[in-house]
Amino acid sequence: MLHVLVYSDSLTWGIIPNTRRRLPFEERWPGVLEKKLNELGQSVRIVEDCLNGRRTVWEDPFKPGRNGIEGLAQRIEAQSPLALVILMLGTNDFQFCHPYNNAWSAGQGVTTLIKEIRQAPIEPGMPIPPVLLVSAPPIGLPQGPVAAKFSGAEKKCAGLAEVYRQVSSDLACHFFDAGSVTPSSRVDGIHLDADQHILLGRALVNVVAPLLSTT
């Protein structure tokens, strides 16, 4: 069985927009992806490490532990051997408390995380896992309880997919633009609605399956 680690935030955790509830695993995009891969004959287990509010490398002024680089190397060590790491972070980099952040700074953040993944202290003989960098759908107009927290984020995130695509090219990792298959939530403009999880999970099958077949 191949093990895949998904390292992400609330978009993947499956928060239901405008609530504090969570979609069940089979309805979140990693669950959709795992089910389809196994239906195709690939024995795959997807492990989620997804934390609400997680940034790439920035601190949350109100909640500890949201800096994505904290403990990342140990997470890779704990889950190894890994056939793939799927990295989908950046949305929270555009919160109000990071007024100068833009697509470039998020790109620098994921660059740091990818390097940390590759330098993790895994056991001798275990593979350094390939990385699939996923750019989240562009932030829409923030609405509801998260609106104040993400004020102006729809402008700050402009060009994120293009920056992540370049980072992937520069670091020789894989890339997928989630915005190519779904927008952000119609409810809050930030997260993913239930049907959007399904769209993203199904789309990633065509990306992930070939990567695992060469592992």
Protein backbone atom coordinates (compact mmCIF):
# COMPACT_ATOMS: atom_id res chain seq x y z
CA MET A 1 0.00 0.00 0.00
CA LEU A 2 1.28 3.46 -0.95
CA HIS A 3 1.00 6.26 1.58
CA VAL A 4 0.29 9.87 0.57
CA LEU A 5 0.46 12.80 2.98
CA VAL A 6 -1.74 15.85 2.41
CA TYR A 7 -0.40 18.91 4.23
CA SER A 8 -2.93 21.71 4.14
CA ASP A 9 -5.36 24.01 5.94
CA SER A 10 -9.12 24.41 6.42
CA LEU A 11 -9.84 24.11 2.69
CA THR A 12 -8.76 20.48 2.92
CA TRP A 13 -9.82 19.92 6.55
CA GLY A 14 -13.28 20.28 5.10
CA ILE A 15 -14.80 23.09 7.09
CA ILE A 16 -18.38 23.78 5.99
CA PRO A 17 -18.49 27.49 5.08
CA ASN A 18 -20.14 29.78 7.66
CA THR A 19 -20.04 26.98 10.27
CA ARG A 20 -17.53 25.21 12.49
CA ARG A 21 -18.63 21.82 11.22
CA ARG A 22 -16.58 19.43 9.09
CA LEU A 23 -17.41 17.34 6.06
CA PRO A 24 -16.83 13.59 6.56
CA PHE A 25 -13.68 12.09 5.06
CA GLU A 26 -15.43 10.51 2.10
CA GLU A 27 -16.80 13.94 1.10
CA ARG A 28 -13.54 15.84 1.48
CA TRP A 29 -11.34 15.95 -1.60
CA PRO A 30 -8.62 13.65 -0.14
CA GLY A 31 -11.32 11.05 0.57
CA VAL A 32 -12.74 11.40 -2.92
CA LEU A 33 -9.23 11.02 -4.32
CA GLU A 34 -8.39 7.97 -2.19
CA LYS A 35 -11.62 6.17 -3.08
CA LYS A 36 -11.17 6.71 -6.80
CA LEU A 37 -7.51 5.68 -6.80
CA ASN A 38 -8.36 2.45 -5.04
CA GLU A 39 -11.20 1.82 -7.49
CA LEU A 40 -8.63 2.14 -10.26
CA GLY A 41 -6.56 -0.61 -8.66
CA GLN A 42 -3.96 1.48 -6.86
CA SER A 43 -3.67 0.50 -3.20
CA VAL A 44 -3.41 3.94 -1.61
CA ARG A 45 -3.91 5.40 1.85
CA ILE A 46 -4.15 9.17 2.11
CA VAL A 47 -3.20 10.71 5.45
CA GLU A 48 -4.47 14.23 6.12
CA ASP A 49 -2.49 16.72 8.21
CA CYS A 50 -4.73 19.74 7.80
CA LEU A 51 -5.05 22.54 10.34
CA ASN A 52 -7.50 25.42 10.22
CA GLY A 53 -5.65 28.71 9.84
CA ARG A 54 -2.32 27.16 8.85
CA ARG A 55 -0.05 29.51 6.89
CA THR A 56 3.02 28.67 4.87
CA VAL A 57 5.65 30.18 7.20
CA TRP A 58 3.78 32.94 9.06
CA GLU A 59 2.48 33.12 12.63
CA ASP A 60 -1.15 33.63 13.64
CA PRO A 61 -1.32 36.42 16.27
CA PHE A 62 -4.24 34.73 18.04
CA LYS A 63 -3.67 30.97 17.70
CA PRO A 64 -0.36 29.13 18.19
CA GLY A 65 0.96 26.46 15.86
CA ARG A 66 -0.30 27.88 12.56
CA ASN A 67 3.16 28.37 11.07
CA GLY A 68 3.37 25.57 8.51
CA ILE A 69 7.08 24.95 8.90
CA GLU A 70 6.80 24.13 12.62
CA GLY A 71 7.18 20.38 13.01
CA LEU A 72 6.91 19.70 9.27
CA ALA A 73 10.13 17.70 9.08
CA GLN A 74 8.98 15.54 11.98
CA ARG A 75 5.61 14.94 10.30
CA ILE A 76 7.42 13.68 7.21
CA GLU A 77 9.61 11.50 9.41
CA ALA A 78 6.58 10.11 11.28
CA GLN A 79 4.63 9.24 8.13
CA SER A 80 7.50 7.82 6.06
CA PRO A 81 7.89 6.00 3.81
CA LEU A 82 5.75 8.28 1.65
CA ALA A 83 4.99 7.88 -2.03
CA LEU A 84 3.89 11.51 -2.37
CA VAL A 85 3.34 14.71 -0.40
CA ILE A 86 0.52 16.96 -1.56
CA LEU A 87 1.09 20.52 -0.36
CA MET A 88 -1.84 22.96 -0.52
CA LEU A 89 -1.20 26.06 1.57
CA GLY A 90 -1.24 29.81 1.06
CA THR A 91 -4.81 30.98 1.51
CA ASN A 92 -4.27 32.06 5.11
CA ASP A 93 -1.15 34.01 4.13
CA PHE A 94 -3.56 36.69 2.90
CA GLN A 95 -5.35 37.32 6.18
CA PHE A 96 -5.64 40.85 7.56
CA CYS A 97 -2.66 40.41 9.89
CA HIS A 98 -0.29 39.98 6.93
CA PRO A 99 -0.96 43.28 5.11
CA TYR A 100 2.14 43.14 2.92
CA ASN A 101 1.78 39.53 1.78
CA ASN A 102 1.10 38.80 -1.86
CA ALA A 103 1.46 35.90 -4.29
CA TRP A 104 5.24 36.32 -4.33
CA SER A 105 5.53 36.01 -0.54
CA ALA A 106 3.30 32.92 -0.52
CA GLY A 107 5.57 31.49 -3.20
CA GLN A 108 8.57 32.07 -0.96
CA GLY A 109 6.67 30.36 1.82
CA VAL A 110 5.94 27.17 -0.11
CA THR A 111 9.51 27.17 -1.42
CA THR A 112 10.70 27.01 2.18
CA LEU A 113 8.26 24.18 2.96
CA ILE A 114 9.29 22.10 -0.05
CA LYS A 115 12.94 22.39 0.95
CA GLU A 116 12.04 21.36 4.50
CA ILE A 117 10.20 18.29 3.21
CA ARG A 118 13.25 17.26 1.23
CA GLN A 119 15.56 17.72 4.21
CA ALA A 120 13.41 15.80 6.70
CA PRO A 121 15.33 13.27 8.87
CA ILE A 122 13.73 10.13 7.42
CA GLU A 123 15.20 6.69 8.09
CA PRO A 124 18.11 5.50 5.91
CA GLY A 125 16.94 3.91 2.68
CA MET A 126 13.51 5.52 2.73
CA PRO A 127 12.71 7.67 -0.30
CA ILE A 128 12.56 11.44 -0.31
CA PRO A 129 8.94 11.82 -1.43
CA PRO A 130 8.02 13.79 -4.53
CA VAL A 131 5.90 16.87 -3.90
CA LEU A 132 2.71 17.91 -5.65
CA LEU A 133 2.13 21.62 -5.06
CA VAL A 134 -1.54 22.58 -5.38
CA SER A 135 -2.57 26.20 -5.76
CA ALA A 136 -5.92 26.80 -4.02
CA PRO A 137 -8.72 28.46 -6.00
CA PRO A 138 -8.44 32.26 -6.05
CA ILE A 139 -10.13 33.91 -3.10
CA GLY A 140 -13.46 35.48 -3.99
CA LEU A 141 -15.18 38.30 -2.13
CA PRO A 142 -14.95 37.26 1.54
CA GLN A 143 -18.38 36.91 3.11
CA GLY A 144 -19.92 35.89 6.42
CA PRO A 145 -17.96 35.36 9.66
CA VAL A 146 -14.60 35.22 7.86
CA ALA A 147 -15.08 38.47 5.93
CA ALA A 148 -13.20 40.73 8.35
CA LYS A 149 -10.36 38.25 8.75
CA PHE A 150 -9.85 38.07 4.98
CA SER A 151 -10.55 41.71 4.12
CA GLY A 152 -8.74 42.54 0.87
CA ALA A 153 -7.50 38.98 0.41
CA GLU A 154 -9.10 38.67 -3.02
CA LYS A 155 -6.65 41.33 -4.24
CA LYS A 156 -3.56 40.16 -2.35
CA CYS A 157 -3.81 36.62 -3.75
CA ALA A 158 -3.77 37.74 -7.39
CA GLY A 159 -1.39 35.67 -9.50
CA LEU A 160 -0.92 32.87 -6.96
CA ALA A 161 -1.29 30.01 -9.45
CA GLU A 162 1.30 31.52 -11.77
CA VAL A 163 3.78 31.99 -8.92
CA TYR A 164 3.25 28.43 -7.66
CA ARG A 165 3.67 27.07 -11.17
CA GLN A 166 7.04 28.82 -11.40
CA VAL A 167 8.07 27.56 -7.95
CA SER A 168 7.23 24.01 -9.06
CA SER A 169 9.31 24.42 -12.19
CA ASP A 170 12.25 25.89 -10.29
CA LEU A 171 12.21 23.15 -7.66
CA ALA A 172 11.38 20.25 -9.99
CA CYS A 173 8.16 19.27 -8.26
CA HIS A 174 4.68 18.69 -9.62
CA PHE A 175 1.94 21.31 -9.86
CA PHE A 176 -1.84 21.53 -10.08
CA ASP A 177 -4.03 24.63 -10.22
CA ALA A 178 -7.22 23.88 -8.27
CA GLY A 179 -8.70 27.04 -9.74
CA SER A 180 -8.70 25.33 -13.13
CA VAL A 181 -11.53 23.03 -11.97
CA THR A 182 -13.39 24.99 -9.31
CA PRO A 183 -13.71 28.50 -7.85
CA SER A 184 -13.73 29.15 -4.12
CA SER A 185 -16.88 28.77 -2.05
CA ARG A 186 -20.05 30.47 -3.22
CA VAL A 187 -20.93 30.90 0.46
CA ASP A 188 -17.88 32.59 2.00
CA GLY A 189 -15.46 33.14 -0.92
CA ILE A 190 -12.63 31.36 0.90
CA HIS A 191 -13.24 27.66 1.43
CA LEU A 192 -14.67 24.85 -0.68
CA ASP A 193 -18.33 23.85 -0.88
CA ALA A 194 -19.22 20.15 -0.79
CA ASP A 195 -19.59 19.85 -4.56
CA GLN A 196 -16.26 21.63 -5.05
CA HIS A 197 -14.49 19.04 -2.90
CA ILE A 198 -15.83 16.38 -5.25
CA LEU A 199 -14.69 18.29 -8.34
CA LEU A 200 -11.18 18.78 -6.96
CA GLY A 201 -10.82 15.21 -5.72
CA ARG A 202 -11.87 13.77 -9.07
CA ALA A 203 -9.61 16.13 -11.02
CA LEU A 204 -6.59 15.19 -8.92
CA VAL A 205 -7.02 11.53 -9.77
CA ASN A 206 -5.63 12.22 -13.25
CA VAL A 207 -2.63 13.97 -11.71
CA VAL A 208 -1.86 11.68 -8.78
CA ALA A 209 -2.45 8.28 -10.39
CA PRO A 210 0.46 8.59 -12.87
CA LEU A 211 2.78 9.85 -10.11
CA LEU A 212 2.01 6.83 -7.94
CA SER A 213 2.34 4.39 -10.80
CA THR A 214 6.00 5.37 -11.16
CA THR A 215 6.72 4.99 -7.44
